[in-house]
């Protein structure tokens, strides 16, 4: 059996009781919403940003309004673009430091001759 830390905050007590009693999928969804609400009170987004973490994109449901779904879509798209930018920067850094060893790439016969570095996958 899991032991829980004693607390006097009514919200924490309700949260602990919900964790103990979660048995259906509806209980789990309600519990997650309650936990997110509690964590938002602790300003988790602010603390995560301070440590370099991305924003929490959250969940969506098909029955939500068009505006909410569009906001979620654009937020997700922006996050994807940010991740792509970071990946590209890291790849460039790795490729600049690499002592390239070029190997002929015969995969695309319709294009000009290509060579790929066997270490960092840069092509020329």
PDB file of N, CA and C in Angstrom:
ATOM      1  N   UNK A   1       0.851  -1.192   0.000  1.00  0.00           N
ATOM      2  CA  UNK A   1       0.000   0.000   0.000  1.00  0.00           C
ATOM      3  C   UNK A   1       0.891   1.249   0.000  1.00  0.00           C
ATOM      4  N   UNK A   2       0.503   2.235  -0.754  1.00  0.00           N
ATOM      5  CA  UNK A   2       1.254   3.475  -0.853  1.00  0.00           C
ATOM      6  C   UNK A   2       0.944   4.363   0.337  1.00  0.00           C
ATOM      7  N   UNK A   3       1.986   4.939   0.920  1.00  0.00           N
ATOM      8  CA  UNK A   3       1.759   5.893   1.999  1.00  0.00           C
ATOM      9  C   UNK A   3       1.821   7.295   1.435  1.00  0.00           C
ATOM     10  N   UNK A   4       1.004   8.161   1.948  1.00  0.00           N
ATOM     11  CA  UNK A   4       0.929   9.537   1.477  1.00  0.00           C
ATOM     12  C   UNK A   4       1.381  10.473   2.588  1.00  0.00           C
ATOM     13  N   UNK A   5       2.004  11.566   2.188  1.00  0.00           N
ATOM     14  CA  UNK A   5       2.465  12.544   3.168  1.00  0.00           C
ATOM     15  C   UNK A   5       1.268  13.238   3.806  1.00  0.00           C
ATOM     16  N   UNK A   6       1.315  13.489   5.094  1.00  0.00           N
ATOM     17  CA  UNK A   6       0.210  14.203   5.736  1.00  0.00           C
ATOM     18  C   UNK A   6       0.154  15.644   5.245  1.00  0.00           C
ATOM     19  N   UNK A   7      -1.031  16.155   5.096  1.00  0.00           N
ATOM     20  CA  UNK A   7      -1.182  17.544   4.660  1.00  0.00           C
ATOM     21  C   UNK A   7      -2.472  18.107   5.244  1.00  0.00           C
ATOM     22  N   UNK A   8      -2.545  19.431   5.328  1.00  0.00           N
ATOM     23  CA  UNK A   8      -3.753  20.059   5.851  1.00  0.00           C
ATOM     24  C   UNK A   8      -4.475  20.872   4.800  1.00  0.00           C
ATOM     25  N   UNK A   9      -3.915  20.982   3.597  1.00  0.00           N
ATOM     26  CA  UNK A   9      -4.555  21.727   2.527  1.00  0.00           C
ATOM     27  C   UNK A   9      -5.730  20.896   1.992  1.00  0.00           C
ATOM     28  N   UNK A  10      -6.953  21.441   2.005  1.00  0.00           N
ATOM     29  CA  UNK A  10      -8.124  20.672   1.550  1.00  0.00           C
ATOM     30  C   UNK A  10      -7.981  20.183   0.105  1.00  0.00           C
ATOM     31  N   UNK A  11      -7.339  20.985  -0.719  1.00  0.00           N
ATOM     32  CA  UNK A  11      -7.153  20.578  -2.110  1.00  0.00           C
ATOM     33  C   UNK A  11      -6.249  19.352  -2.190  1.00  0.00           C
ATOM     34  N   UNK A  12      -5.177  19.349  -1.398  1.00  0.00           N
ATOM     35  CA  UNK A  12      -4.270  18.209  -1.383  1.00  0.00           C
ATOM     36  C   UNK A  12      -4.969  16.959  -0.852  1.00  0.00           C
ATOM     37  N   UNK A  13      -5.793  17.142   0.155  1.00  0.00           N
ATOM     38  CA  UNK A  13      -6.535  16.008   0.722  1.00  0.00           C
ATOM     39  C   UNK A  13      -7.452  15.418  -0.341  1.00  0.00           C
ATOM     40  N   UNK A  14      -8.160  16.280  -1.076  1.00  0.00           N
ATOM     41  CA  UNK A  14      -9.048  15.807  -2.136  1.00  0.00           C
ATOM     42  C   UNK A  14      -8.250  15.107  -3.234  1.00  0.00           C
ATOM     43  N   UNK A  15      -7.087  15.656  -3.557  1.00  0.00           N
ATOM     44  CA  UNK A  15      -6.234  15.059  -4.584  1.00  0.00           C
ATOM     45  C   UNK A  15      -5.776  13.664  -4.154  1.00  0.00           C
ATOM     46  N   UNK A  16      -5.332  13.538  -2.923  1.00  0.00           N
ATOM     47  CA  UNK A  16      -4.875  12.238  -2.416  1.00  0.00           C
ATOM     48  C   UNK A  16      -6.020  11.226  -2.409  1.00  0.00           C
ATOM     49  N   UNK A  17      -7.205  11.668  -1.983  1.00  0.00           N
ATOM     50  CA  UNK A  17      -8.362  10.771  -1.993  1.00  0.00           C
ATOM     51  C   UNK A  17      -8.704  10.338  -3.415  1.00  0.00           C
ATOM     52  N   UNK A  18      -8.595  11.254  -4.360  1.00  0.00           N
ATOM     53  CA  UNK A  18      -8.883  10.921  -5.758  1.00  0.00           C
ATOM     54  C   UNK A  18      -7.882   9.915  -6.307  1.00  0.00           C
ATOM     55  N   UNK A  19      -6.615  10.048  -5.916  1.00  0.00           N
ATOM     56  CA  UNK A  19      -5.599   9.090  -6.355  1.00  0.00           C
ATOM     57  C   UNK A  19      -5.919   7.706  -5.798  1.00  0.00           C
ATOM     58  N   UNK A  20      -6.266   7.662  -4.532  1.00  0.00           N
ATOM     59  CA  UNK A  20      -6.577   6.382  -3.888  1.00  0.00           C
ATOM     60  C   UNK A  20      -7.797   5.709  -4.527  1.00  0.00           C
ATOM     61  N   UNK A  21      -8.781   6.510  -4.920  1.00  0.00           N
ATOM     62  CA  UNK A  21     -10.062   5.958  -5.359  1.00  0.00           C
ATOM     63  C   UNK A  21     -10.238   5.901  -6.873  1.00  0.00           C
ATOM     64  N   UNK A  22      -9.266   6.299  -7.648  1.00  0.00           N
ATOM     65  CA  UNK A  22      -9.417   6.302  -9.109  1.00  0.00           C
ATOM     66  C   UNK A  22      -9.505   4.866  -9.613  1.00  0.00           C
ATOM     67  N   UNK A  23     -10.661   4.516 -10.165  1.00  0.00           N
ATOM     68  CA  UNK A  23     -10.831   3.146 -10.657  1.00  0.00           C
ATOM     69  C   UNK A  23     -11.389   3.098 -12.075  1.00  0.00           C
ATOM     70  N   UNK A  24     -12.078   4.148 -12.497  1.00  0.00           N
ATOM     71  CA  UNK A  24     -12.635   4.159 -13.853  1.00  0.00           C
ATOM     72  C   UNK A  24     -11.875   5.162 -14.712  1.00  0.00           C
ATOM     73  N   UNK A  25     -12.080   5.083 -16.016  1.00  0.00           N
ATOM     74  CA  UNK A  25     -11.399   6.028 -16.912  1.00  0.00           C
ATOM     75  C   UNK A  25     -11.850   7.463 -16.635  1.00  0.00           C
ATOM     76  N   UNK A  26     -13.119   7.649 -16.262  1.00  0.00           N
ATOM     77  CA  UNK A  26     -13.603   8.984 -15.925  1.00  0.00           C
ATOM     78  C   UNK A  26     -12.896   9.521 -14.676  1.00  0.00           C
ATOM     79  N   UNK A  27     -12.662   8.635 -13.712  1.00  0.00           N
ATOM     80  CA  UNK A  27     -11.945   9.036 -12.497  1.00  0.00           C
ATOM     81  C   UNK A  27     -10.523   9.488 -12.838  1.00  0.00           C
ATOM     82  N   UNK A  28      -9.883   8.763 -13.732  1.00  0.00           N
ATOM     83  CA  UNK A  28      -8.502   9.086 -14.105  1.00  0.00           C
ATOM     84  C   UNK A  28      -8.445  10.429 -14.829  1.00  0.00           C
ATOM     85  N   UNK A  29      -9.397  10.679 -15.732  1.00  0.00           N
ATOM     86  CA  UNK A  29      -9.443  11.963 -16.452  1.00  0.00           C
ATOM     87  C   UNK A  29      -9.672  13.099 -15.463  1.00  0.00           C
ATOM     88  N   UNK A  30     -10.610  12.920 -14.557  1.00  0.00           N
ATOM     89  CA  UNK A  30     -10.892  13.948 -13.545  1.00  0.00           C
ATOM     90  C   UNK A  30      -9.670  14.185 -12.661  1.00  0.00           C
ATOM     91  N   UNK A  31      -8.992  13.102 -12.297  1.00  0.00           N
ATOM     92  CA  UNK A  31      -7.787  13.194 -11.476  1.00  0.00           C
ATOM     93  C   UNK A  31      -6.695  13.982 -12.195  1.00  0.00           C
ATOM     94  N   UNK A  32      -6.508  13.699 -13.480  1.00  0.00           N
ATOM     95  CA  UNK A  32      -5.484  14.425 -14.230  1.00  0.00           C
ATOM     96  C   UNK A  32      -5.808  15.918 -14.291  1.00  0.00           C
ATOM     97  N   UNK A  33      -7.055  16.256 -14.523  1.00  0.00           N
ATOM     98  CA  UNK A  33      -7.450  17.672 -14.549  1.00  0.00           C
ATOM     99  C   UNK A  33      -7.197  18.329 -13.201  1.00  0.00           C
ATOM    100  N   UNK A  34      -7.500  17.605 -12.129  1.00  0.00           N
ATOM    101  CA  UNK A  34      -7.293  18.135 -10.786  1.00  0.00           C
ATOM    102  C   UNK A  34      -5.792  18.352 -10.533  1.00  0.00           C
ATOM    103  N   UNK A  35      -4.981  17.394 -10.937  1.00  0.00           N
ATOM    104  CA  UNK A  35      -3.539  17.515 -10.732  1.00  0.00           C
ATOM    105  C   UNK A  35      -2.969  18.680 -11.535  1.00  0.00           C
ATOM    106  N   UNK A  36      -3.424  18.829 -12.780  1.00  0.00           N
ATOM    107  CA  UNK A  36      -2.956  19.951 -13.596  1.00  0.00           C
ATOM    108  C   UNK A  36      -3.358  21.278 -12.980  1.00  0.00           C
ATOM    109  N   UNK A  37      -4.556  21.339 -12.447  1.00  0.00           N
ATOM    110  CA  UNK A  37      -5.018  22.554 -11.789  1.00  0.00           C
ATOM    111  C   UNK A  37      -4.115  22.885 -10.600  1.00  0.00           C
ATOM    112  N   UNK A  38      -3.797  21.881  -9.811  1.00  0.00           N
ATOM    113  CA  UNK A  38      -2.926  22.087  -8.654  1.00  0.00           C
ATOM    114  C   UNK A  38      -1.531  22.514  -9.100  1.00  0.00           C
ATOM    115  N   UNK A  39      -0.990  21.846 -10.120  1.00  0.00           N
ATOM    116  CA  UNK A  39       0.351  22.192 -10.611  1.00  0.00           C
ATOM    117  C   UNK A  39       0.380  23.597 -11.218  1.00  0.00           C
ATOM    118  N   UNK A  40      -0.712  24.000 -11.873  1.00  0.00           N
ATOM    119  CA  UNK A  40      -0.779  25.364 -12.421  1.00  0.00           C
ATOM    120  C   UNK A  40      -0.725  26.404 -11.310  1.00  0.00           C
ATOM    121  N   UNK A  41      -1.305  26.095 -10.157  1.00  0.00           N
ATOM    122  CA  UNK A  41      -1.231  27.006  -9.015  1.00  0.00           C
ATOM    123  C   UNK A  41       0.212  27.174  -8.550  1.00  0.00           C
ATOM    124  N   UNK A  42       1.035  26.157  -8.789  1.00  0.00           N
ATOM    125  CA  UNK A  42       2.448  26.213  -8.405  1.00  0.00           C
ATOM    126  C   UNK A  42       3.319  26.808  -9.519  1.00  0.00           C
ATOM    127  N   UNK A  43       2.680  27.285 -10.581  1.00  0.00           N
ATOM    128  CA  UNK A  43       3.353  27.939 -11.711  1.00  0.00           C
ATOM    129  C   UNK A  43       4.405  27.028 -12.360  1.00  0.00           C
ATOM    130  N   UNK A  44       4.000  25.803 -12.685  1.00  0.00           N
ATOM    131  CA  UNK A  44       4.948  24.844 -13.249  1.00  0.00           C
ATOM    132  C   UNK A  44       5.500  25.295 -14.596  1.00  0.00           C
ATOM    133  N   UNK A  45       4.702  25.957 -15.414  1.00  0.00           N
ATOM    134  CA  UNK A  45       5.192  26.405 -16.716  1.00  0.00           C
ATOM    135  C   UNK A  45       6.364  27.362 -16.536  1.00  0.00           C
ATOM    136  N   UNK A  46       6.232  28.296 -15.606  1.00  0.00           N
ATOM    137  CA  UNK A  46       7.304  29.249 -15.321  1.00  0.00           C
ATOM    138  C   UNK A  46       8.572  28.518 -14.891  1.00  0.00           C
ATOM    139  N   UNK A  47       8.428  27.567 -13.974  1.00  0.00           N
ATOM    140  CA  UNK A  47       9.592  26.839 -13.460  1.00  0.00           C
ATOM    141  C   UNK A  47      10.231  25.971 -14.547  1.00  0.00           C
ATOM    142  N   UNK A  48       9.410  25.355 -15.376  1.00  0.00           N
ATOM    143  CA  UNK A  48       9.955  24.550 -16.471  1.00  0.00           C
ATOM    144  C   UNK A  48      10.730  25.422 -17.457  1.00  0.00           C
ATOM    145  N   UNK A  49      10.179  26.581 -17.788  1.00  0.00           N
ATOM    146  CA  UNK A  49      10.874  27.488 -18.722  1.00  0.00           C
ATOM    147  C   UNK A  49      12.217  27.928 -18.159  1.00  0.00           C
ATOM    148  N   UNK A  50      12.273  28.172 -16.852  1.00  0.00           N
ATOM    149  CA  UNK A  50      13.534  28.576 -16.213  1.00  0.00           C
ATOM    150  C   UNK A  50      14.612  27.519 -16.398  1.00  0.00           C
ATOM    151  N   UNK A  51      14.194  26.264 -16.501  1.00  0.00           N
ATOM    152  CA  UNK A  51      15.145  25.167 -16.638  1.00  0.00           C
ATOM    153  C   UNK A  51      15.282  24.694 -18.084  1.00  0.00           C
ATOM    154  N   UNK A  52      14.727  25.460 -19.034  1.00  0.00           N
ATOM    155  CA  UNK A  52      14.915  25.167 -20.447  1.00  0.00           C
ATOM    156  C   UNK A  52      13.909  24.217 -21.071  1.00  0.00           C
ATOM    157  N   UNK A  53      12.888  23.828 -20.337  1.00  0.00           N
ATOM    158  CA  UNK A  53      11.891  22.899 -20.879  1.00  0.00           C
ATOM    159  C   UNK A  53      10.859  23.643 -21.719  1.00  0.00           C
ATOM    160  N   UNK A  54      10.229  22.918 -22.632  1.00  0.00           N
ATOM    161  CA  UNK A  54       9.189  23.495 -23.479  1.00  0.00           C
ATOM    162  C   UNK A  54       7.882  23.621 -22.698  1.00  0.00           C
ATOM    163  N   UNK A  55       6.918  24.293 -23.323  1.00  0.00           N
ATOM    164  CA  UNK A  55       5.587  24.404 -22.726  1.00  0.00           C
ATOM    165  C   UNK A  55       4.876  23.054 -22.808  1.00  0.00           C
ATOM    166  N   UNK A  56       3.959  22.836 -21.898  1.00  0.00           N
ATOM    167  CA  UNK A  56       3.099  21.654 -21.938  1.00  0.00           C
ATOM    168  C   UNK A  56       1.981  21.948 -22.930  1.00  0.00           C
ATOM    169  N   UNK A  57       1.858  21.138 -23.961  1.00  0.00           N
ATOM    170  CA  UNK A  57       0.858  21.416 -24.989  1.00  0.00           C
ATOM    171  C   UNK A  57      -0.549  21.033 -24.567  1.00  0.00           C
ATOM    172  N   UNK A  58      -0.682  20.172 -23.596  1.00  0.00           N
ATOM    173  CA  UNK A  58      -2.007  19.817 -23.097  1.00  0.00           C
ATOM    174  C   UNK A  58      -2.735  18.837 -24.008  1.00  0.00           C
ATOM    175  N   UNK A  59      -3.958  18.603 -23.672  1.00  0.00           N
ATOM    176  CA  UNK A  59      -4.793  17.656 -24.415  1.00  0.00           C
ATOM    177  C   UNK A  59      -5.890  18.398 -25.157  1.00  0.00           C
ATOM    178  N   UNK A  60      -6.449  17.741 -26.161  1.00  0.00           N
ATOM    179  CA  UNK A  60      -7.568  18.305 -26.914  1.00  0.00           C
ATOM    180  C   UNK A  60      -8.595  17.208 -27.152  1.00  0.00           C
ATOM    181  N   UNK A  61      -9.805  17.630 -27.464  1.00  0.00           N
ATOM    182  CA  UNK A  61     -10.897  16.697 -27.724  1.00  0.00           C
ATOM    183  C   UNK A  61     -11.633  17.179 -28.978  1.00  0.00           C
ATOM    184  N   UNK A  62     -12.074  16.260 -29.841  1.00  0.00           N
ATOM    185  CA  UNK A  62     -12.761  16.671 -31.078  1.00  0.00           C
ATOM    186  C   UNK A  62     -14.022  17.497 -30.861  1.00  0.00           C
ATOM    187  N   UNK A  63     -14.615  17.408 -29.686  1.00  0.00           N
ATOM    188  CA  UNK A  63     -15.846  18.161 -29.417  1.00  0.00           C
ATOM    189  C   UNK A  63     -15.591  19.594 -28.973  1.00  0.00           C
ATOM    190  N   UNK A  64     -14.323  19.987 -28.841  1.00  0.00           N
ATOM    191  CA  UNK A  64     -14.036  21.363 -28.430  1.00  0.00           C
ATOM    192  C   UNK A  64     -14.369  22.326 -29.566  1.00  0.00           C
ATOM    193  N   UNK A  65     -14.438  23.597 -29.219  1.00  0.00           N
ATOM    194  CA  UNK A  65     -14.801  24.606 -30.215  1.00  0.00           C
ATOM    195  C   UNK A  65     -13.718  24.724 -31.284  1.00  0.00           C
ATOM    196  N   UNK A  66     -14.106  25.243 -32.419  1.00  0.00           N
ATOM    197  CA  UNK A  66     -13.178  25.437 -33.524  1.00  0.00           C
ATOM    198  C   UNK A  66     -12.006  26.316 -33.101  1.00  0.00           C
ATOM    199  N   UNK A  67     -12.297  27.377 -32.360  1.00  0.00           N
ATOM    200  CA  UNK A  67     -11.245  28.299 -31.932  1.00  0.00           C
ATOM    201  C   UNK A  67     -10.222  27.594 -31.034  1.00  0.00           C
ATOM    202  N   UNK A  68     -10.696  26.773 -30.084  1.00  0.00           N
ATOM    203  CA  UNK A  68      -9.779  26.059 -29.193  1.00  0.00           C
ATOM    204  C   UNK A  68      -8.918  25.070 -29.976  1.00  0.00           C
ATOM    205  N   UNK A  69      -9.541  24.369 -30.929  1.00  0.00           N
ATOM    206  CA  UNK A  69      -8.783  23.415 -31.737  1.00  0.00           C
ATOM    207  C   UNK A  69      -7.750  24.129 -32.606  1.00  0.00           C
ATOM    208  N   UNK A  70      -8.126  25.272 -33.175  1.00  0.00           N
ATOM    209  CA  UNK A  70      -7.174  26.040 -33.982  1.00  0.00           C
ATOM    210  C   UNK A  70      -6.021  26.541 -33.126  1.00  0.00           C
ATOM    211  N   UNK A  71      -6.315  27.038 -31.937  1.00  0.00           N
ATOM    212  CA  UNK A  71      -5.254  27.499 -31.043  1.00  0.00           C
ATOM    213  C   UNK A  71      -4.300  26.361 -30.702  1.00  0.00           C
ATOM    214  N   UNK A  72      -4.861  25.200 -30.410  1.00  0.00           N
ATOM    215  CA  UNK A  72      -4.020  24.046 -30.102  1.00  0.00           C
ATOM    216  C   UNK A  72      -3.150  23.683 -31.310  1.00  0.00           C
ATOM    217  N   UNK A  73      -3.757  23.683 -32.488  1.00  0.00           N
ATOM    218  CA  UNK A  73      -3.033  23.343 -33.720  1.00  0.00           C
ATOM    219  C   UNK A  73      -1.858  24.300 -33.946  1.00  0.00           C
ATOM    220  N   UNK A  74      -2.099  25.605 -33.840  1.00  0.00           N
ATOM    221  CA  UNK A  74      -1.037  26.582 -34.094  1.00  0.00           C
ATOM    222  C   UNK A  74       0.048  26.530 -33.007  1.00  0.00           C
ATOM    223  N   UNK A  75      -0.359  26.259 -31.772  1.00  0.00           N
ATOM    224  CA  UNK A  75       0.603  26.121 -30.681  1.00  0.00           C
ATOM    225  C   UNK A  75       1.498  24.899 -30.935  1.00  0.00           C
ATOM    226  N   UNK A  76       0.887  23.798 -31.376  1.00  0.00           N
ATOM    227  CA  UNK A  76       1.631  22.581 -31.677  1.00  0.00           C
ATOM    228  C   UNK A  76       2.557  22.803 -32.873  1.00  0.00           C
ATOM    229  N   UNK A  77       2.076  23.481 -33.875  1.00  0.00           N
ATOM    230  CA  UNK A  77       2.880  23.774 -35.066  1.00  0.00           C
ATOM    231  C   UNK A  77       4.086  24.631 -34.697  1.00  0.00           C
ATOM    232  N   UNK A  78       3.870  25.641 -33.875  1.00  0.00           N
ATOM    233  CA  UNK A  78       4.976  26.502 -33.430  1.00  0.00           C
ATOM    234  C   UNK A  78       5.994  25.683 -32.636  1.00  0.00           C
ATOM    235  N   UNK A  79       5.518  24.808 -31.772  1.00  0.00           N
ATOM    236  CA  UNK A  79       6.412  23.963 -30.990  1.00  0.00           C
ATOM    237  C   UNK A  79       7.212  23.039 -31.910  1.00  0.00           C
ATOM    238  N   UNK A  80       6.565  22.465 -32.911  1.00  0.00           N
ATOM    239  CA  UNK A  80       7.255  21.600 -33.871  1.00  0.00           C
ATOM    240  C   UNK A  80       8.330  22.370 -34.619  1.00  0.00           C
ATOM    241  N   UNK A  81       8.026  23.596 -35.017  1.00  0.00           N
ATOM    242  CA  UNK A  81       9.015  24.421 -35.711  1.00  0.00           C
ATOM    243  C   UNK A  81      10.198  24.742 -34.802  1.00  0.00           C
ATOM    244  N   UNK A  82       9.927  25.006 -33.529  1.00  0.00           N
ATOM    245  CA  UNK A  82      11.001  25.279 -32.575  1.00  0.00           C
ATOM    246  C   UNK A  82      11.906  24.059 -32.409  1.00  0.00           C
ATOM    247  N   UNK A  83      11.304  22.880 -32.298  1.00  0.00           N
ATOM    248  CA  UNK A  83      12.085  21.653 -32.151  1.00  0.00           C
ATOM    249  C   UNK A  83      12.917  21.416 -33.414  1.00  0.00           C
ATOM    250  N   UNK A  84      12.331  21.640 -34.585  1.00  0.00           N
ATOM    251  CA  UNK A  84      13.059  21.459 -35.858  1.00  0.00           C
ATOM    252  C   UNK A  84      14.259  22.393 -35.912  1.00  0.00           C
ATOM    253  N   UNK A  85      14.075  23.642 -35.492  1.00  0.00           N
ATOM    254  CA  UNK A  85      15.163  24.615 -35.490  1.00  0.00           C
ATOM    255  C   UNK A  85      16.301  24.144 -34.568  1.00  0.00           C
ATOM    256  N   UNK A  86      15.964  23.641 -33.400  1.00  0.00           N
ATOM    257  CA  UNK A  86      16.976  23.169 -32.448  1.00  0.00           C
ATOM    258  C   UNK A  86      17.696  21.939 -33.013  1.00  0.00           C
ATOM    259  N   UNK A  87      16.947  21.022 -33.637  1.00  0.00           N
ATOM    260  CA  UNK A  87      17.552  19.842 -34.258  1.00  0.00           C
ATOM    261  C   UNK A  87      18.531  20.265 -35.347  1.00  0.00           C
ATOM    262  N   UNK A  88      18.115  21.215 -36.192  1.00  0.00           N
ATOM    263  CA  UNK A  88      18.989  21.688 -37.281  1.00  0.00           C
ATOM    264  C   UNK A  88      20.274  22.308 -36.734  1.00  0.00           C
ATOM    265  N   UNK A  89      20.152  23.103 -35.671  1.00  0.00           N
ATOM    266  CA  UNK A  89      21.342  23.724 -35.075  1.00  0.00           C
ATOM    267  C   UNK A  89      22.288  22.668 -34.511  1.00  0.00           C
ATOM    268  N   UNK A  90      21.737  21.658 -33.830  1.00  0.00           N
ATOM    269  CA  UNK A  90      22.571  20.606 -33.269  1.00  0.00           C
ATOM    270  C   UNK A  90      23.240  19.791 -34.375  1.00  0.00           C
ATOM    271  N   UNK A  91      22.490  19.495 -35.448  1.00  0.00           N
ATOM    272  CA  UNK A  91      23.050  18.745 -36.565  1.00  0.00           C
ATOM    273  C   UNK A  91      24.198  19.520 -37.210  1.00  0.00           C
ATOM    274  N   UNK A  92      24.000  20.830 -37.435  1.00  0.00           N
ATOM    275  CA  UNK A  92      25.053  21.660 -38.024  1.00  0.00           C
ATOM    276  C   UNK A  92      26.310  21.666 -37.149  1.00  0.00           C
ATOM    277  N   UNK A  93      26.113  21.749 -35.841  1.00  0.00           N
ATOM    278  CA  UNK A  93      27.252  21.760 -34.914  1.00  0.00           C
ATOM    279  C   UNK A  93      28.024  20.442 -35.007  1.00  0.00           C
ATOM    280  N   UNK A  94      27.301  19.338 -35.039  1.00  0.00           N
ATOM    281  CA  UNK A  94      27.941  18.027 -35.159  1.00  0.00           C
ATOM    282  C   UNK A  94      28.677  17.915 -36.492  1.00  0.00           C
ATOM    283  N   UNK A  95      28.023  18.383 -37.567  1.00  0.00           N
ATOM    284  CA  UNK A  95      28.633  18.272 -38.894  1.00  0.00           C
ATOM    285  C   UNK A  95      29.863  19.158 -39.044  1.00  0.00           C
ATOM    286  N   UNK A  96      29.897  20.298 -38.367  1.00  0.00           N
ATOM    287  CA  UNK A  96      31.078  21.167 -38.422  1.00  0.00           C
ATOM    288  C   UNK A  96      32.277  20.521 -37.745  1.00  0.00           C
ATOM    289  N   UNK A  97      32.033  19.759 -36.686  1.00  0.00           N
ATOM    290  CA  UNK A  97      33.120  19.140 -35.928  1.00  0.00           C
ATOM    291  C   UNK A  97      33.572  17.803 -36.524  1.00  0.00           C
ATOM    292  N   UNK A  98      32.798  17.252 -37.433  1.00  0.00           N
ATOM    293  CA  UNK A  98      33.050  15.915 -37.960  1.00  0.00           C
ATOM    294  C   UNK A  98      34.261  15.898 -38.903  1.00  0.00           C
ATOM    295  N   UNK A  99      35.049  14.839 -38.797  1.00  0.00           N
ATOM    296  CA  UNK A  99      36.128  14.586 -39.764  1.00  0.00           C
ATOM    297  C   UNK A  99      35.502  13.689 -40.830  1.00  0.00           C
ATOM    298  N   UNK A 100      34.891  14.313 -41.826  1.00  0.00           N
ATOM    299  CA  UNK A 100      34.054  13.605 -42.798  1.00  0.00           C
ATOM    300  C   UNK A 100      34.802  12.482 -43.513  1.00  0.00           C
ATOM    301  N   UNK A 101      34.087  11.400 -43.705  1.00  0.00           N
ATOM    302  CA  UNK A 101      34.560  10.277 -44.504  1.00  0.00           C
ATOM    303  C   UNK A 101      33.453  10.004 -45.521  1.00  0.00           C
ATOM    304  N   UNK A 102      33.689  10.427 -46.756  1.00  0.00           N
ATOM    305  CA  UNK A 102      32.644  10.431 -47.770  1.00  0.00           C
ATOM    306  C   UNK A 102      32.507   9.065 -48.429  1.00  0.00           C
ATOM    307  N   UNK A 103      31.232   8.704 -48.676  1.00  0.00           N
ATOM    308  CA  UNK A 103      30.920   7.448 -49.344  1.00  0.00           C
ATOM    309  C   UNK A 103      29.888   7.749 -50.429  1.00  0.00           C
ATOM    310  N   UNK A 104      30.072   7.145 -51.589  1.00  0.00           N
ATOM    311  CA  UNK A 104      29.163   7.352 -52.716  1.00  0.00           C
ATOM    312  C   UNK A 104      27.765   6.864 -52.344  1.00  0.00           C
ATOM    313  N   UNK A 105      26.741   7.655 -52.708  1.00  0.00           N
ATOM    314  CA  UNK A 105      25.340   7.314 -52.437  1.00  0.00           C
ATOM    315  C   UNK A 105      24.628   7.042 -53.757  1.00  0.00           C
ATOM    316  N   UNK A 106      24.412   5.786 -54.119  1.00  0.00           N
ATOM    317  CA  UNK A 106      23.790   5.466 -55.405  1.00  0.00           C
ATOM    318  C   UNK A 106      22.264   5.414 -55.366  1.00  0.00           C
ATOM    319  N   UNK A 107      21.634   5.866 -54.293  1.00  0.00           N
ATOM    320  CA  UNK A 107      20.184   5.675 -54.115  1.00  0.00           C
ATOM    321  C   UNK A 107      19.328   6.444 -55.114  1.00  0.00           C
ATOM    322  N   UNK A 108      19.761   7.625 -55.536  1.00  0.00           N
ATOM    323  CA  UNK A 108      18.930   8.442 -56.425  1.00  0.00           C
ATOM    324  C   UNK A 108      19.590   8.540 -57.791  1.00  0.00           C
ATOM    325  N   UNK A 109      19.105   7.744 -58.748  1.00  0.00           N
ATOM    326  CA  UNK A 109      19.747   7.681 -60.062  1.00  0.00           C
ATOM    327  C   UNK A 109      19.426   8.894 -60.933  1.00  0.00           C
ATOM    328  N   UNK A 110      18.341   9.598 -60.657  1.00  0.00           N
ATOM    329  CA  UNK A 110      17.936  10.738 -61.496  1.00  0.00           C
ATOM    330  C   UNK A 110      18.642  12.025 -61.129  1.00  0.00           C
ATOM    331  N   UNK A 111      19.332  12.041 -60.018  1.00  0.00           N
ATOM    332  CA  UNK A 111      19.994  13.253 -59.552  1.00  0.00           C
ATOM    333  C   UNK A 111      21.481  13.201 -59.852  1.00  0.00           C
ATOM    334  N   UNK A 112      22.139  14.306 -59.558  1.00  0.00           N
ATOM    335  CA  UNK A 112      23.592  14.347 -59.680  1.00  0.00           C
ATOM    336  C   UNK A 112      24.212  13.393 -58.667  1.00  0.00           C
ATOM    337  N   UNK A 113      25.472  13.115 -58.823  1.00  0.00           N
ATOM    338  CA  UNK A 113      26.186  12.229 -57.920  1.00  0.00           C
ATOM    339  C   UNK A 113      26.234  12.827 -56.521  1.00  0.00           C
ATOM    340  N   UNK A 114      25.924  12.000 -55.529  1.00  0.00           N
ATOM    341  CA  UNK A 114      25.937  12.442 -54.132  1.00  0.00           C
ATOM    342  C   UNK A 114      26.875  11.577 -53.327  1.00  0.00           C
ATOM    343  N   UNK A 115      27.482  12.199 -52.338  1.00  0.00           N
ATOM    344  CA  UNK A 115      28.307  11.496 -51.366  1.00  0.00           C
ATOM    345  C   UNK A 115      27.763  11.824 -49.982  1.00  0.00           C
ATOM    346  N   UNK A 116      27.809  10.839 -49.099  1.00  0.00           N
ATOM    347  CA  UNK A 116      27.315  11.010 -47.728  1.00  0.00           C
ATOM    348  C   UNK A 116      28.435  10.652 -46.768  1.00  0.00           C
ATOM    349  N   UNK A 117      28.570  11.476 -45.727  1.00  0.00           N
ATOM    350  CA  UNK A 117      29.547  11.175 -44.680  1.00  0.00           C
ATOM    351  C   UNK A 117      29.024  10.000 -43.871  1.00  0.00           C
ATOM    352  N   UNK A 118      29.855   8.993 -43.679  1.00  0.00           N
ATOM    353  CA  UNK A 118      29.402   7.801 -42.948  1.00  0.00           C
ATOM    354  C   UNK A 118      29.265   8.050 -41.455  1.00  0.00           C
ATOM    355  N   UNK A 119      29.777   9.163 -40.956  1.00  0.00           N
ATOM    356  CA  UNK A 119      29.713   9.471 -39.524  1.00  0.00           C
ATOM    357  C   UNK A 119      28.512  10.355 -39.186  1.00  0.00           C
ATOM    358  N   UNK A 120      28.373  11.483 -39.884  1.00  0.00           N
ATOM    359  CA  UNK A 120      27.361  12.475 -39.490  1.00  0.00           C
ATOM    360  C   UNK A 120      26.206  12.587 -40.485  1.00  0.00           C
ATOM    361  N   UNK A 121      26.268  11.836 -41.586  1.00  0.00           N
ATOM    362  CA  UNK A 121      25.216  11.784 -42.599  1.00  0.00           C
ATOM    363  C   UNK A 121      25.066  13.076 -43.420  1.00  0.00           C
ATOM    364  N   UNK A 122      26.050  13.970 -43.349  1.00  0.00           N
ATOM    365  CA  UNK A 122      26.041  15.155 -44.204  1.00  0.00           C
ATOM    366  C   UNK A 122      26.254  14.696 -45.638  1.00  0.00           C
ATOM    367  N   UNK A 123      25.633  15.409 -46.583  1.00  0.00           N
ATOM    368  CA  UNK A 123      25.805  15.014 -47.978  1.00  0.00           C
ATOM    369  C   UNK A 123      26.361  16.161 -48.791  1.00  0.00           C
ATOM    370  N   UNK A 124      26.987  15.776 -49.915  1.00  0.00           N
ATOM    371  CA  UNK A 124      27.499  16.772 -50.851  1.00  0.00           C
ATOM    372  C   UNK A 124      27.328  16.271 -52.249  1.00  0.00           C
TER     373      UNK A 124
END
